[in-house]
Every structure is written in C-alpha cells, then in structure tokens.
Amino acid sequence: MTKHKEPDHTAINLVGTGTVIKGEINSKGDIRIDGKVIGQMRSEGKIVIGNSGSVEGDIFCVNADFSGKVNGKADVKELLTLKASSVFLGDIITNKLAIEPGANFSGTCSMDKEQASQNPATGEKKK
C-alpha cells in the first residue's frame, strides 16, 4: 500500500485589489498580489504580481511573474518573467529571466546559479 503525500506548498494566497498590507509576508505556497504590499515577501512557491498589483520591498521566491509594479530586490531561484505591463525598479538575482517587449526594467541583473542552492524562504544555503 502506498502513501499519498501532498505537496508542502498547496496553498494559494491572494491579496485583492484595494487591499494594502504593510509588513513581512512568509508563505510555503504561491502568492498573487492584485493590491499593494509594502514590505518583504518570501515564498517557497511562485509569486505573481497582477496588473493592478504593486510591491515596495524585497521579494524572495522560487518562480515569479510580474505584470504590475515592483520597487525593490527580486531574488528568484528559478524563473522570473517580466510581462509587457510590468514596471520593475531594483535589482534582480535569478537563474533565468524572461522580459516581454514593453516591460520597463531599471536596475541590475545577476544570473546567479550559485543561489539555486539557497532556500527562498530563509535565504540560507541548503545542505
């Protein structure tokens, strides 16, 4: 008889349009932002910033899709996608970067495979 194991990051968290959160967000699941977050975000899953979403602060996650506004550092373990409607001001550290025509990116980018061994939720190196 086999045991069925659920993934650790099944939760999807949503910050809706018109909602403002000030502070730190930590999640094992995916996060979608359609409102505004002022503060640091950490996720062991994917962070999506919708067209109406904005983040002022640093973002640490495994994958990310940005369509809205981000002002801060993005440390993405695998793939960061900047959609055509996105505005990104800050520094990017990622393994893979996709920028659609029309996206606005101002800052620096480091393609760092070394960071792939780090835990996005804590920033600590995995053993």
N, C-alpha and C. Protein backbone atom coordinates (compact mmCIF):
# COMPACT_ATOMS: atom_id res chain seq x y z
N MET A 1 0.84 -1.17 0.00
CA MET A 1 0.00 0.00 0.00
C MET A 1 0.89 1.24 0.00
N THR A 2 0.63 2.15 -0.91
CA THR A 2 1.45 3.35 -1.00
C THR A 2 0.76 4.51 -0.28
N LYS A 3 1.57 5.38 0.22
CA LYS A 3 1.05 6.58 0.89
C LYS A 3 1.04 7.72 -0.10
N HIS A 4 -0.03 8.48 -0.08
CA HIS A 4 -0.14 9.66 -0.94
C HIS A 4 0.33 10.87 -0.15
N LYS A 5 1.34 11.54 -0.66
CA LYS A 5 1.88 12.71 0.04
C LYS A 5 1.50 13.98 -0.71
N GLU A 6 0.87 14.89 -0.02
CA GLU A 6 0.52 16.18 -0.59
C GLU A 6 1.75 17.07 -0.66
N PRO A 7 1.87 17.89 -1.72
CA PRO A 7 2.97 18.85 -1.76
C PRO A 7 2.88 19.82 -0.59
N ASP A 8 4.04 20.30 -0.13
CA ASP A 8 4.08 21.21 1.01
C ASP A 8 3.52 22.60 0.69
N HIS A 9 3.47 22.98 -0.58
CA HIS A 9 3.08 24.35 -0.92
C HIS A 9 1.81 24.37 -1.78
N THR A 10 0.73 23.79 -1.24
CA THR A 10 -0.53 23.72 -1.98
C THR A 10 -1.37 24.98 -1.83
N ALA A 11 -1.12 25.80 -0.84
CA ALA A 11 -1.93 26.98 -0.59
C ALA A 11 -1.66 28.07 -1.63
N ILE A 12 -2.74 28.75 -2.05
CA ILE A 12 -2.60 29.91 -2.93
C ILE A 12 -3.14 31.10 -2.15
N ASN A 13 -2.31 32.10 -1.93
CA ASN A 13 -2.67 33.26 -1.14
C ASN A 13 -2.94 34.43 -2.08
N LEU A 14 -4.00 35.20 -1.80
CA LEU A 14 -4.39 36.30 -2.67
C LEU A 14 -4.51 37.59 -1.87
N VAL A 15 -3.87 38.64 -2.38
CA VAL A 15 -4.06 39.99 -1.85
C VAL A 15 -4.84 40.72 -2.93
N GLY A 16 -6.12 40.98 -2.67
CA GLY A 16 -7.03 41.52 -3.67
C GLY A 16 -6.85 43.01 -3.93
N THR A 17 -7.44 43.45 -5.04
CA THR A 17 -7.42 44.85 -5.44
C THR A 17 -8.00 45.71 -4.32
N GLY A 18 -7.34 46.81 -3.99
CA GLY A 18 -7.80 47.70 -2.93
C GLY A 18 -7.26 47.37 -1.56
N THR A 19 -6.60 46.21 -1.43
CA THR A 19 -6.02 45.81 -0.15
C THR A 19 -4.59 46.28 -0.05
N VAL A 20 -4.21 46.84 1.12
CA VAL A 20 -2.83 47.27 1.37
C VAL A 20 -2.32 46.51 2.58
N ILE A 21 -1.18 45.87 2.42
CA ILE A 21 -0.55 45.15 3.53
C ILE A 21 0.81 45.76 3.78
N LYS A 22 1.06 46.13 5.04
CA LYS A 22 2.37 46.64 5.45
C LYS A 22 2.99 45.63 6.39
N GLY A 23 4.19 45.16 6.03
CA GLY A 23 4.85 44.18 6.88
C GLY A 23 5.47 43.06 6.05
N GLU A 24 5.88 42.02 6.74
CA GLU A 24 6.56 40.90 6.10
C GLU A 24 5.57 39.77 5.83
N ILE A 25 5.67 39.17 4.63
CA ILE A 25 4.84 38.03 4.27
C ILE A 25 5.74 36.83 4.04
N ASN A 26 5.45 35.72 4.73
CA ASN A 26 6.18 34.47 4.54
C ASN A 26 5.16 33.39 4.23
N SER A 27 5.42 32.60 3.16
CA SER A 27 4.47 31.57 2.77
C SER A 27 5.18 30.36 2.17
N LYS A 28 4.63 29.19 2.43
CA LYS A 28 5.13 27.98 1.77
C LYS A 28 4.43 27.80 0.43
N GLY A 29 3.31 28.50 0.22
CA GLY A 29 2.53 28.37 -1.01
C GLY A 29 2.72 29.54 -1.95
N ASP A 30 1.96 29.51 -3.04
CA ASP A 30 2.00 30.57 -4.03
C ASP A 30 1.28 31.81 -3.51
N ILE A 31 1.68 32.96 -4.04
CA ILE A 31 1.07 34.24 -3.63
C ILE A 31 0.73 35.03 -4.88
N ARG A 32 -0.47 35.60 -4.93
CA ARG A 32 -0.85 36.51 -6.01
C ARG A 32 -1.19 37.85 -5.38
N ILE A 33 -0.60 38.91 -5.93
CA ILE A 33 -0.81 40.27 -5.42
C ILE A 33 -1.54 41.09 -6.49
N ASP A 34 -2.77 41.50 -6.19
CA ASP A 34 -3.50 42.43 -7.04
C ASP A 34 -3.70 43.76 -6.32
N GLY A 35 -3.35 43.79 -5.03
CA GLY A 35 -3.40 45.01 -4.22
C GLY A 35 -1.99 45.56 -4.06
N LYS A 36 -1.69 46.05 -2.86
CA LYS A 36 -0.38 46.67 -2.61
C LYS A 36 0.25 46.03 -1.37
N VAL A 37 1.54 45.71 -1.49
CA VAL A 37 2.31 45.19 -0.36
C VAL A 37 3.50 46.11 -0.14
N ILE A 38 3.66 46.57 1.11
CA ILE A 38 4.81 47.38 1.48
C ILE A 38 5.58 46.56 2.51
N GLY A 39 6.68 45.97 2.08
CA GLY A 39 7.46 45.11 2.95
C GLY A 39 8.02 43.92 2.20
N GLN A 40 8.71 43.09 2.92
CA GLN A 40 9.41 41.94 2.33
C GLN A 40 8.45 40.76 2.13
N MET A 41 8.64 40.03 1.01
CA MET A 41 7.84 38.84 0.72
C MET A 41 8.75 37.65 0.50
N ARG A 42 8.42 36.51 1.12
CA ARG A 42 9.16 35.26 0.92
C ARG A 42 8.17 34.14 0.65
N SER A 43 8.46 33.34 -0.38
CA SER A 43 7.60 32.22 -0.71
C SER A 43 8.44 31.05 -1.20
N GLU A 44 8.03 29.85 -0.81
CA GLU A 44 8.68 28.64 -1.32
C GLU A 44 8.01 28.19 -2.61
N GLY A 45 7.09 29.00 -3.12
CA GLY A 45 6.40 28.72 -4.38
C GLY A 45 6.60 29.87 -5.35
N LYS A 46 5.51 30.25 -6.00
CA LYS A 46 5.52 31.28 -7.04
C LYS A 46 4.85 32.55 -6.53
N ILE A 47 5.40 33.69 -6.89
CA ILE A 47 4.79 34.98 -6.58
C ILE A 47 4.36 35.63 -7.90
N VAL A 48 3.08 35.99 -7.97
CA VAL A 48 2.53 36.64 -9.15
C VAL A 48 2.07 38.04 -8.73
N ILE A 49 2.55 39.05 -9.45
CA ILE A 49 2.10 40.43 -9.24
C ILE A 49 1.20 40.75 -10.43
N GLY A 50 -0.10 40.90 -10.18
CA GLY A 50 -1.06 41.18 -11.25
C GLY A 50 -0.93 42.60 -11.79
N ASN A 51 -1.68 42.91 -12.85
CA ASN A 51 -1.63 44.24 -13.49
C ASN A 51 -1.87 45.37 -12.51
N SER A 52 -2.79 45.18 -11.57
CA SER A 52 -3.12 46.23 -10.61
C SER A 52 -2.29 46.13 -9.33
N GLY A 53 -1.41 45.14 -9.25
CA GLY A 53 -0.62 44.91 -8.05
C GLY A 53 0.64 45.74 -7.99
N SER A 54 1.10 46.00 -6.76
CA SER A 54 2.38 46.69 -6.58
C SER A 54 3.04 46.21 -5.30
N VAL A 55 4.36 46.16 -5.33
CA VAL A 55 5.14 45.75 -4.17
C VAL A 55 6.27 46.74 -3.98
N GLU A 56 6.41 47.24 -2.76
CA GLU A 56 7.54 48.07 -2.37
C GLU A 56 8.31 47.30 -1.32
N GLY A 57 9.34 46.59 -1.76
CA GLY A 57 10.11 45.77 -0.84
C GLY A 57 10.77 44.63 -1.59
N ASP A 58 11.54 43.85 -0.86
CA ASP A 58 12.29 42.75 -1.46
C ASP A 58 11.43 41.50 -1.57
N ILE A 59 11.68 40.74 -2.66
CA ILE A 59 10.92 39.53 -2.95
C ILE A 59 11.89 38.36 -3.07
N PHE A 60 11.59 37.27 -2.35
CA PHE A 60 12.39 36.05 -2.39
C PHE A 60 11.45 34.88 -2.69
N CYS A 61 11.69 34.15 -3.79
CA CYS A 61 10.79 33.05 -4.15
C CYS A 61 11.47 32.10 -5.13
N VAL A 62 10.73 31.06 -5.54
CA VAL A 62 11.25 30.08 -6.49
C VAL A 62 11.01 30.55 -7.92
N ASN A 63 9.77 30.95 -8.24
CA ASN A 63 9.40 31.47 -9.56
C ASN A 63 8.57 32.73 -9.36
N ALA A 64 8.55 33.60 -10.39
CA ALA A 64 7.76 34.82 -10.28
C ALA A 64 7.32 35.31 -11.65
N ASP A 65 6.10 35.88 -11.70
CA ASP A 65 5.56 36.57 -12.88
C ASP A 65 5.13 37.94 -12.42
N PHE A 66 5.70 38.98 -13.00
CA PHE A 66 5.35 40.35 -12.64
C PHE A 66 4.65 41.02 -13.81
N SER A 67 3.42 41.50 -13.57
CA SER A 67 2.68 42.30 -14.54
C SER A 67 2.48 43.71 -14.03
N GLY A 68 2.57 43.90 -12.72
CA GLY A 68 2.36 45.19 -12.09
C GLY A 68 3.67 45.88 -11.78
N LYS A 69 3.67 46.67 -10.68
CA LYS A 69 4.83 47.48 -10.31
C LYS A 69 5.58 46.86 -9.13
N VAL A 70 6.91 46.83 -9.24
CA VAL A 70 7.75 46.33 -8.16
C VAL A 70 8.91 47.29 -7.98
N ASN A 71 9.13 47.71 -6.72
CA ASN A 71 10.25 48.57 -6.39
C ASN A 71 11.02 47.89 -5.26
N GLY A 72 12.14 47.25 -5.60
CA GLY A 72 12.92 46.52 -4.61
C GLY A 72 13.77 45.46 -5.28
N LYS A 73 14.30 44.57 -4.47
CA LYS A 73 15.13 43.49 -4.99
C LYS A 73 14.27 42.25 -5.21
N ALA A 74 14.52 41.53 -6.31
CA ALA A 74 13.85 40.26 -6.57
C ALA A 74 14.92 39.17 -6.63
N ASP A 75 14.84 38.24 -5.70
CA ASP A 75 15.77 37.11 -5.64
C ASP A 75 14.95 35.87 -5.95
N VAL A 76 15.02 35.42 -7.22
CA VAL A 76 14.17 34.35 -7.72
C VAL A 76 15.04 33.14 -8.07
N LYS A 77 14.78 32.02 -7.42
CA LYS A 77 15.62 30.83 -7.57
C LYS A 77 15.64 30.29 -8.99
N GLU A 78 14.49 30.24 -9.66
CA GLU A 78 14.43 29.64 -10.99
C GLU A 78 14.13 30.67 -12.07
N LEU A 79 12.84 30.95 -12.36
CA LEU A 79 12.46 31.80 -13.49
C LEU A 79 11.69 33.04 -13.04
N LEU A 80 12.16 34.21 -13.49
CA LEU A 80 11.43 35.47 -13.31
C LEU A 80 10.97 35.93 -14.68
N THR A 81 9.66 36.20 -14.80
CA THR A 81 9.09 36.70 -16.05
C THR A 81 8.56 38.11 -15.81
N LEU A 82 9.05 39.08 -16.59
CA LEU A 82 8.53 40.44 -16.56
C LEU A 82 7.59 40.59 -17.76
N LYS A 83 6.30 40.68 -17.49
CA LYS A 83 5.29 40.80 -18.54
C LYS A 83 5.32 42.20 -19.14
N ALA A 84 4.68 42.38 -20.28
CA ALA A 84 4.71 43.64 -21.03
C ALA A 84 4.24 44.83 -20.21
N SER A 85 3.31 44.63 -19.29
CA SER A 85 2.75 45.73 -18.49
C SER A 85 3.55 46.01 -17.22
N SER A 86 4.61 45.25 -16.97
CA SER A 86 5.34 45.39 -15.70
C SER A 86 6.28 46.60 -15.68
N VAL A 87 6.46 47.13 -14.46
CA VAL A 87 7.44 48.18 -14.19
C VAL A 87 8.26 47.69 -13.01
N PHE A 88 9.56 47.46 -13.23
CA PHE A 88 10.42 46.94 -12.19
C PHE A 88 11.58 47.90 -11.96
N LEU A 89 11.71 48.39 -10.73
CA LEU A 89 12.81 49.26 -10.34
C LEU A 89 13.57 48.58 -9.23
N GLY A 90 14.79 48.14 -9.52
CA GLY A 90 15.57 47.47 -8.49
C GLY A 90 16.51 46.45 -9.07
N ASP A 91 16.97 45.57 -8.22
CA ASP A 91 17.96 44.58 -8.60
C ASP A 91 17.34 43.19 -8.70
N ILE A 92 17.79 42.44 -9.69
CA ILE A 92 17.30 41.09 -9.91
C ILE A 92 18.45 40.10 -9.74
N ILE A 93 18.20 39.04 -8.99
CA ILE A 93 19.09 37.89 -8.92
C ILE A 93 18.24 36.69 -9.28
N THR A 94 18.57 36.00 -10.36
CA THR A 94 17.77 34.87 -10.79
C THR A 94 18.61 33.90 -11.61
N ASN A 95 18.07 32.73 -11.84
CA ASN A 95 18.72 31.75 -12.69
C ASN A 95 18.32 31.96 -14.14
N LYS A 96 17.01 32.29 -14.38
CA LYS A 96 16.50 32.53 -15.73
C LYS A 96 15.62 33.77 -15.71
N LEU A 97 15.72 34.58 -16.76
CA LEU A 97 14.95 35.83 -16.85
C LEU A 97 14.29 35.93 -18.22
N ALA A 98 12.98 36.21 -18.22
CA ALA A 98 12.24 36.43 -19.46
C ALA A 98 11.62 37.82 -19.37
N ILE A 99 11.93 38.68 -20.35
CA ILE A 99 11.38 40.03 -20.37
C ILE A 99 10.60 40.21 -21.67
N GLU A 100 9.30 40.43 -21.55
CA GLU A 100 8.46 40.64 -22.72
C GLU A 100 8.65 42.06 -23.26
N PRO A 101 8.50 42.25 -24.58
CA PRO A 101 8.57 43.60 -25.15
C PRO A 101 7.53 44.50 -24.49
N GLY A 102 7.94 45.69 -24.10
CA GLY A 102 7.05 46.64 -23.42
C GLY A 102 7.28 46.71 -21.92
N ALA A 103 7.93 45.71 -21.36
CA ALA A 103 8.23 45.73 -19.92
C ALA A 103 9.24 46.83 -19.64
N ASN A 104 9.13 47.44 -18.46
CA ASN A 104 10.04 48.51 -18.06
C ASN A 104 10.89 48.00 -16.91
N PHE A 105 12.20 47.88 -17.13
CA PHE A 105 13.12 47.37 -16.11
C PHE A 105 14.26 48.35 -15.96
N SER A 106 14.46 48.84 -14.74
CA SER A 106 15.56 49.75 -14.45
C SER A 106 16.27 49.24 -13.20
N GLY A 107 17.52 48.82 -13.37
CA GLY A 107 18.27 48.29 -12.25
C GLY A 107 19.38 47.38 -12.75
N THR A 108 19.78 46.43 -11.91
CA THR A 108 20.82 45.49 -12.30
C THR A 108 20.26 44.08 -12.28
N CYS A 109 20.93 43.20 -13.02
CA CYS A 109 20.52 41.80 -13.06
C CYS A 109 21.74 40.92 -12.95
N SER A 110 21.65 39.93 -12.07
CA SER A 110 22.71 38.95 -11.90
C SER A 110 22.12 37.57 -12.12
N MET A 111 22.68 36.84 -13.08
CA MET A 111 22.24 35.47 -13.35
C MET A 111 23.14 34.57 -12.52
N ASP A 112 22.65 34.17 -11.34
CA ASP A 112 23.47 33.51 -10.35
C ASP A 112 23.02 32.08 -10.11
N LYS A 113 23.73 31.12 -10.68
CA LYS A 113 23.38 29.72 -10.48
C LYS A 113 23.72 29.25 -9.07
N GLU A 114 24.62 29.93 -8.39
CA GLU A 114 25.01 29.58 -7.02
C GLU A 114 23.81 29.69 -6.08
N GLN A 115 22.95 30.68 -6.30
CA GLN A 115 21.80 30.89 -5.42
C GLN A 115 20.77 29.79 -5.54
N ALA A 116 20.88 28.93 -6.55
CA ALA A 116 19.92 27.83 -6.70
C ALA A 116 19.99 26.87 -5.51
N SER A 117 21.08 26.91 -4.78
CA SER A 117 21.22 26.03 -3.62
C SER A 117 20.69 26.68 -2.35
N GLN A 118 20.06 27.86 -2.46
CA GLN A 118 19.53 28.56 -1.29
C GLN A 118 18.03 28.31 -1.14
N ASN A 119 17.56 28.33 0.09
CA ASN A 119 16.15 28.21 0.40
C ASN A 119 15.52 29.59 0.23
N PRO A 120 14.52 29.77 -0.68
CA PRO A 120 13.94 31.09 -0.90
C PRO A 120 13.24 31.67 0.33
N ALA A 121 12.78 30.81 1.22
CA ALA A 121 12.06 31.30 2.40
C ALA A 121 13.00 31.87 3.45
N THR A 122 14.24 31.37 3.51
CA THR A 122 15.16 31.82 4.53
C THR A 122 16.42 32.48 3.99
N GLY A 123 16.74 32.21 2.72
CA GLY A 123 17.97 32.75 2.13
C GLY A 123 19.20 31.96 2.54
N GLU A 124 19.00 30.90 3.34
CA GLU A 124 20.14 30.09 3.80
C GLU A 124 20.46 29.03 2.77
N LYS A 125 21.75 28.64 2.73
CA LYS A 125 22.18 27.61 1.79
C LYS A 125 21.66 26.25 2.24
N LYS A 126 21.16 25.48 1.26
CA LYS A 126 20.71 24.12 1.55
C LYS A 126 21.91 23.20 1.62
N LYS A 127 21.76 22.15 2.40
CA LYS A 127 22.87 21.18 2.53
C LYS A 127 22.73 20.08 1.53
